[in-house]
N, C-alpha and C. Protein backbone atom coordinates (compact mmCIF):
# COMPACT_ATOMS: atom_id res chain seq x y z
N UNK A 1 31.67 -249.09 -126.12
CA UNK A 1 31.36 -248.10 -125.11
C UNK A 1 29.88 -248.17 -124.76
N UNK A 2 29.59 -247.91 -123.54
CA UNK A 2 28.21 -247.86 -123.07
C UNK A 2 27.86 -246.43 -122.70
N UNK A 3 26.59 -246.10 -122.84
CA UNK A 3 26.13 -244.75 -122.52
C UNK A 3 24.83 -244.81 -121.73
N UNK A 4 24.70 -243.89 -120.77
CA UNK A 4 23.46 -243.69 -120.04
C UNK A 4 22.90 -242.34 -120.44
N UNK A 5 21.66 -242.32 -120.88
CA UNK A 5 21.06 -241.11 -121.43
C UNK A 5 19.89 -240.65 -120.57
N UNK A 6 19.82 -239.35 -120.37
CA UNK A 6 18.72 -238.74 -119.63
C UNK A 6 18.37 -237.43 -120.32
N UNK A 7 17.11 -237.05 -120.24
CA UNK A 7 16.66 -235.82 -120.89
C UNK A 7 15.94 -234.94 -119.89
N UNK A 8 16.32 -233.68 -119.85
CA UNK A 8 15.66 -232.73 -118.98
C UNK A 8 14.17 -232.62 -119.34
N UNK A 9 13.88 -232.55 -120.61
CA UNK A 9 12.51 -232.41 -121.07
C UNK A 9 11.69 -233.69 -120.84
N UNK A 10 12.25 -234.83 -121.24
CA UNK A 10 11.51 -236.09 -121.12
C UNK A 10 11.32 -236.56 -119.68
N UNK A 11 12.20 -236.13 -118.79
CA UNK A 11 12.14 -236.57 -117.40
C UNK A 11 11.75 -235.45 -116.44
N UNK A 12 11.14 -234.41 -116.98
CA UNK A 12 10.76 -233.24 -116.16
C UNK A 12 9.87 -233.63 -114.98
N UNK A 13 8.90 -234.47 -115.23
CA UNK A 13 7.97 -234.87 -114.17
C UNK A 13 8.71 -235.60 -113.04
N UNK A 14 9.62 -236.49 -113.39
CA UNK A 14 10.41 -237.22 -112.41
C UNK A 14 11.27 -236.26 -111.58
N UNK A 15 11.91 -235.31 -112.26
CA UNK A 15 12.78 -234.33 -111.60
C UNK A 15 11.96 -233.46 -110.65
N UNK A 16 10.80 -233.01 -111.10
CA UNK A 16 9.92 -232.19 -110.25
C UNK A 16 9.55 -232.95 -108.98
N UNK A 17 9.22 -234.22 -109.14
CA UNK A 17 8.82 -235.04 -107.99
C UNK A 17 9.99 -235.24 -107.03
N UNK A 18 11.16 -235.58 -107.56
CA UNK A 18 12.32 -235.86 -106.71
C UNK A 18 12.82 -234.62 -105.98
N UNK A 19 12.74 -233.46 -106.63
CA UNK A 19 13.25 -232.24 -106.02
C UNK A 19 12.15 -231.37 -105.42
N UNK A 20 10.94 -231.90 -105.44
CA UNK A 20 9.80 -231.18 -104.86
C UNK A 20 9.63 -229.79 -105.49
N UNK A 21 9.67 -229.76 -106.81
CA UNK A 21 9.50 -228.52 -107.56
C UNK A 21 8.09 -228.46 -108.13
N UNK A 22 7.42 -227.32 -108.03
CA UNK A 22 6.08 -227.23 -108.61
C UNK A 22 6.13 -227.30 -110.14
N UNK A 23 7.11 -226.61 -110.75
CA UNK A 23 7.28 -226.63 -112.21
C UNK A 23 8.76 -226.47 -112.54
N UNK A 24 9.33 -227.43 -113.20
CA UNK A 24 10.72 -227.37 -113.61
C UNK A 24 10.97 -226.20 -114.55
N UNK A 25 10.03 -225.96 -115.41
CA UNK A 25 10.16 -224.88 -116.40
C UNK A 25 10.35 -223.52 -115.73
N UNK A 26 9.76 -223.32 -114.57
CA UNK A 26 9.87 -222.04 -113.86
C UNK A 26 11.30 -221.76 -113.42
N UNK A 27 12.09 -222.81 -113.19
CA UNK A 27 13.49 -222.63 -112.80
C UNK A 27 14.34 -222.27 -114.02
N UNK A 28 13.93 -222.75 -115.17
CA UNK A 28 14.71 -222.55 -116.39
C UNK A 28 14.31 -221.30 -117.17
N UNK A 29 13.06 -220.92 -117.06
CA UNK A 29 12.55 -219.76 -117.81
C UNK A 29 12.09 -218.70 -116.80
N UNK A 30 12.96 -217.76 -116.49
CA UNK A 30 12.68 -216.73 -115.49
C UNK A 30 11.86 -215.61 -116.14
N UNK A 31 10.69 -215.37 -115.59
CA UNK A 31 9.78 -214.35 -116.14
C UNK A 31 10.12 -212.95 -115.63
N UNK A 32 10.45 -212.85 -114.35
CA UNK A 32 10.69 -211.54 -113.73
C UNK A 32 12.12 -211.50 -113.16
N UNK A 33 13.07 -211.16 -114.01
CA UNK A 33 14.48 -211.17 -113.63
C UNK A 33 14.83 -210.22 -112.51
N UNK A 34 14.16 -209.09 -112.43
CA UNK A 34 14.48 -208.08 -111.41
C UNK A 34 14.06 -208.52 -110.01
N UNK A 35 12.95 -209.21 -109.90
CA UNK A 35 12.43 -209.58 -108.59
C UNK A 35 12.68 -211.06 -108.24
N UNK A 36 13.52 -211.72 -108.99
CA UNK A 36 13.81 -213.13 -108.73
C UNK A 36 14.98 -213.27 -107.77
N UNK A 37 14.94 -214.31 -106.96
CA UNK A 37 16.03 -214.61 -106.04
C UNK A 37 17.03 -215.50 -106.78
N UNK A 38 18.07 -214.89 -107.33
CA UNK A 38 19.01 -215.59 -108.20
C UNK A 38 19.84 -216.63 -107.45
N UNK A 39 20.05 -216.44 -106.15
CA UNK A 39 20.80 -217.45 -105.40
C UNK A 39 19.98 -218.73 -105.26
N UNK A 40 18.67 -218.59 -105.08
CA UNK A 40 17.78 -219.77 -105.01
C UNK A 40 17.71 -220.44 -106.38
N UNK A 41 17.61 -219.64 -107.43
CA UNK A 41 17.55 -220.20 -108.79
C UNK A 41 18.84 -220.97 -109.10
N UNK A 42 19.98 -220.39 -108.74
CA UNK A 42 21.27 -221.05 -108.97
C UNK A 42 21.34 -222.37 -108.20
N UNK A 43 20.90 -222.35 -106.95
CA UNK A 43 20.91 -223.56 -106.13
C UNK A 43 20.01 -224.64 -106.74
N UNK A 44 18.84 -224.25 -107.18
CA UNK A 44 17.91 -225.22 -107.81
C UNK A 44 18.50 -225.81 -109.08
N UNK A 45 19.14 -224.97 -109.88
CA UNK A 45 19.75 -225.46 -111.12
C UNK A 45 20.88 -226.44 -110.81
N UNK A 46 21.63 -226.19 -109.75
CA UNK A 46 22.68 -227.12 -109.35
C UNK A 46 22.09 -228.45 -108.86
N UNK A 47 20.98 -228.38 -108.15
CA UNK A 47 20.30 -229.60 -107.71
C UNK A 47 19.80 -230.40 -108.91
N UNK A 48 19.25 -229.70 -109.89
CA UNK A 48 18.76 -230.36 -111.10
C UNK A 48 19.92 -231.03 -111.83
N UNK A 49 21.04 -230.31 -111.98
CA UNK A 49 22.22 -230.88 -112.63
C UNK A 49 22.74 -232.11 -111.91
N UNK A 50 22.78 -232.06 -110.58
CA UNK A 50 23.22 -233.21 -109.80
C UNK A 50 22.31 -234.41 -109.98
N UNK A 51 21.01 -234.16 -109.98
CA UNK A 51 20.06 -235.26 -110.18
C UNK A 51 20.18 -235.84 -111.58
N UNK A 52 20.36 -235.00 -112.59
CA UNK A 52 20.54 -235.48 -113.97
C UNK A 52 21.77 -236.39 -114.06
N UNK A 53 22.85 -236.02 -113.37
CA UNK A 53 24.05 -236.86 -113.37
C UNK A 53 23.78 -238.22 -112.72
N UNK A 54 23.06 -238.21 -111.59
CA UNK A 54 22.71 -239.48 -110.94
C UNK A 54 21.84 -240.35 -111.84
N UNK A 55 20.90 -239.72 -112.53
CA UNK A 55 20.02 -240.46 -113.43
C UNK A 55 20.81 -241.06 -114.60
N UNK A 56 21.72 -240.28 -115.18
CA UNK A 56 22.55 -240.77 -116.28
C UNK A 56 23.45 -241.91 -115.80
N UNK A 57 23.96 -241.80 -114.58
CA UNK A 57 24.80 -242.85 -114.02
C UNK A 57 24.01 -244.14 -113.82
N UNK A 58 22.77 -244.02 -113.39
CA UNK A 58 21.90 -245.18 -113.23
C UNK A 58 21.67 -245.87 -114.57
N UNK A 59 21.40 -245.07 -115.60
CA UNK A 59 21.19 -245.63 -116.94
C UNK A 59 22.48 -246.27 -117.46
N UNK A 60 23.62 -245.66 -117.20
CA UNK A 60 24.90 -246.22 -117.63
C UNK A 60 25.16 -247.56 -116.95
N UNK A 61 24.87 -247.64 -115.65
CA UNK A 61 25.04 -248.91 -114.94
C UNK A 61 24.18 -250.00 -115.58
N UNK A 62 22.94 -249.66 -115.93
CA UNK A 62 22.06 -250.62 -116.59
C UNK A 62 22.61 -251.04 -117.94
N UNK A 63 23.24 -250.11 -118.65
CA UNK A 63 23.82 -250.43 -119.96
C UNK A 63 24.97 -251.42 -119.84
N UNK A 64 25.64 -251.42 -118.71
CA UNK A 64 26.80 -252.29 -118.51
C UNK A 64 26.41 -253.62 -117.86
N UNK A 65 25.17 -253.77 -117.47
CA UNK A 65 24.72 -254.94 -116.72
C UNK A 65 24.21 -256.04 -117.65
N UNK A 66 24.62 -257.27 -117.37
CA UNK A 66 24.09 -258.43 -118.07
C UNK A 66 22.90 -258.95 -117.28
N UNK A 67 21.85 -259.34 -117.98
CA UNK A 67 20.62 -259.77 -117.33
C UNK A 67 20.14 -261.10 -117.89
N UNK A 68 19.72 -261.98 -117.01
CA UNK A 68 19.11 -263.25 -117.43
C UNK A 68 17.64 -262.99 -117.74
N UNK A 69 17.23 -263.34 -118.93
CA UNK A 69 15.84 -263.12 -119.34
C UNK A 69 14.89 -264.01 -118.53
N UNK A 70 15.34 -265.20 -118.16
CA UNK A 70 14.47 -266.16 -117.47
C UNK A 70 14.16 -265.76 -116.03
N UNK A 71 15.20 -265.39 -115.26
CA UNK A 71 14.96 -265.14 -113.82
C UNK A 71 15.22 -263.69 -113.41
N UNK A 72 15.63 -262.86 -114.37
CA UNK A 72 15.86 -261.43 -114.15
C UNK A 72 17.07 -261.15 -113.25
N UNK A 73 17.94 -262.14 -113.07
CA UNK A 73 19.17 -261.95 -112.31
C UNK A 73 20.09 -261.02 -113.11
N UNK A 74 20.70 -260.05 -112.45
CA UNK A 74 21.60 -259.14 -113.13
C UNK A 74 22.95 -259.10 -112.44
N UNK A 75 23.98 -258.85 -113.24
CA UNK A 75 25.31 -258.72 -112.70
C UNK A 75 26.12 -257.81 -113.62
N UNK A 76 26.93 -256.95 -113.01
CA UNK A 76 27.67 -255.96 -113.78
C UNK A 76 28.94 -256.47 -114.44
N UNK A 77 29.53 -257.50 -113.90
CA UNK A 77 30.78 -258.00 -114.47
C UNK A 77 30.52 -259.23 -115.31
N UNK A 78 31.00 -259.20 -116.55
CA UNK A 78 30.73 -260.32 -117.45
C UNK A 78 31.40 -261.61 -117.00
N UNK A 79 32.39 -261.53 -116.10
CA UNK A 79 33.03 -262.75 -115.59
C UNK A 79 32.01 -263.66 -114.89
N UNK A 80 30.95 -263.09 -114.36
CA UNK A 80 29.93 -263.88 -113.69
C UNK A 80 29.20 -264.81 -114.66
N UNK A 81 29.24 -264.47 -115.94
CA UNK A 81 28.53 -265.25 -116.95
C UNK A 81 29.52 -265.93 -117.90
N UNK A 82 30.65 -266.44 -117.37
CA UNK A 82 31.69 -267.06 -118.18
C UNK A 82 31.17 -268.22 -119.02
N UNK A 83 30.24 -268.97 -118.51
CA UNK A 83 29.77 -270.18 -119.19
C UNK A 83 28.63 -269.88 -120.17
N UNK A 84 28.31 -268.62 -120.38
CA UNK A 84 27.18 -268.21 -121.21
C UNK A 84 25.85 -268.72 -120.67
N UNK A 85 25.84 -268.97 -119.37
CA UNK A 85 24.61 -269.38 -118.69
C UNK A 85 24.48 -268.57 -117.41
N UNK A 86 23.26 -268.36 -116.99
CA UNK A 86 23.00 -267.62 -115.77
C UNK A 86 23.51 -268.41 -114.57
N UNK A 87 24.30 -267.79 -113.69
CA UNK A 87 24.80 -268.51 -112.51
C UNK A 87 23.70 -268.86 -111.51
N UNK A 88 22.56 -268.19 -111.60
CA UNK A 88 21.47 -268.47 -110.66
C UNK A 88 20.58 -269.61 -111.16
N UNK A 89 20.13 -269.54 -112.43
CA UNK A 89 19.15 -270.54 -112.90
C UNK A 89 19.67 -271.44 -114.02
N UNK A 90 20.84 -271.11 -114.59
CA UNK A 90 21.42 -271.95 -115.63
C UNK A 90 20.90 -271.69 -117.03
N UNK A 91 19.99 -270.75 -117.19
CA UNK A 91 19.43 -270.45 -118.51
C UNK A 91 20.48 -269.73 -119.36
N UNK A 92 20.46 -269.98 -120.66
CA UNK A 92 21.42 -269.35 -121.56
C UNK A 92 20.88 -268.13 -122.28
N UNK A 93 19.64 -267.73 -121.98
CA UNK A 93 19.03 -266.57 -122.64
C UNK A 93 19.39 -265.30 -121.87
N UNK A 94 20.53 -264.70 -122.23
CA UNK A 94 21.06 -263.55 -121.51
C UNK A 94 21.01 -262.30 -122.38
N UNK A 95 20.68 -261.20 -121.76
CA UNK A 95 20.76 -259.90 -122.41
C UNK A 95 22.09 -259.31 -121.96
N UNK A 96 23.06 -259.31 -122.86
CA UNK A 96 24.43 -258.91 -122.53
C UNK A 96 24.56 -257.43 -122.23
N UNK A 97 25.35 -257.14 -121.24
CA UNK A 97 25.70 -255.77 -120.92
C UNK A 97 26.89 -255.33 -121.75
N UNK A 98 27.22 -254.06 -121.66
CA UNK A 98 28.34 -253.45 -122.38
C UNK A 98 27.95 -253.09 -123.81
N UNK A 99 28.57 -252.03 -124.28
CA UNK A 99 28.36 -251.55 -125.65
C UNK A 99 26.88 -251.32 -125.97
N UNK A 100 26.18 -250.72 -125.01
CA UNK A 100 24.76 -250.42 -125.21
C UNK A 100 24.49 -248.97 -124.82
N UNK A 101 23.39 -248.47 -125.30
CA UNK A 101 22.89 -247.16 -124.90
C UNK A 101 21.57 -247.39 -124.19
N UNK A 102 21.49 -246.92 -122.95
CA UNK A 102 20.26 -247.08 -122.17
C UNK A 102 19.74 -245.70 -121.77
N UNK A 103 18.45 -245.52 -121.94
CA UNK A 103 17.79 -244.29 -121.51
C UNK A 103 17.30 -244.50 -120.09
N UNK A 104 17.44 -243.49 -119.25
CA UNK A 104 17.00 -243.58 -117.87
C UNK A 104 15.53 -243.98 -117.81
N UNK A 105 15.23 -244.87 -116.89
CA UNK A 105 13.86 -245.30 -116.65
C UNK A 105 13.55 -245.15 -115.17
N UNK A 106 12.46 -244.49 -114.88
CA UNK A 106 12.06 -244.27 -113.48
C UNK A 106 11.86 -245.60 -112.75
N UNK A 107 11.43 -246.62 -113.47
CA UNK A 107 11.16 -247.93 -112.86
C UNK A 107 12.41 -248.62 -112.33
N UNK A 108 13.57 -248.28 -112.88
CA UNK A 108 14.79 -248.97 -112.45
C UNK A 108 15.72 -248.04 -111.68
N UNK A 109 15.21 -246.93 -111.21
CA UNK A 109 16.08 -245.98 -110.54
C UNK A 109 16.17 -246.27 -109.06
N UNK A 110 17.38 -246.10 -108.48
CA UNK A 110 17.50 -246.20 -107.03
C UNK A 110 16.95 -244.94 -106.41
N UNK A 111 16.64 -244.97 -105.17
CA UNK A 111 16.16 -243.76 -104.49
C UNK A 111 17.26 -242.72 -104.51
N UNK A 112 16.91 -241.50 -104.90
CA UNK A 112 17.91 -240.44 -104.97
C UNK A 112 17.61 -239.39 -103.94
């Protein structure tokens, strides 16, 4: 089994940037419950949850992807690497996909 991992705490800065939030913590830790707009807070929390799912999905895709170390060619289906060599450059130094745990990385994320 492969897993894509993301952390609210470790990726707070990325989430703030993507959702244009001044401080992620302010959405999670409400200081003034009586004067807060709970519908806005609920909407923001749903946006955060949606983004976390997209981030975890990106990490999961990376966990399932086989990559050629020599030319950085990647492919999700292992059938592409039947000969144990990269179909692009022929190198046999492959980082196999599947059965891995990958943590989300901002550098490999698609635009969300």
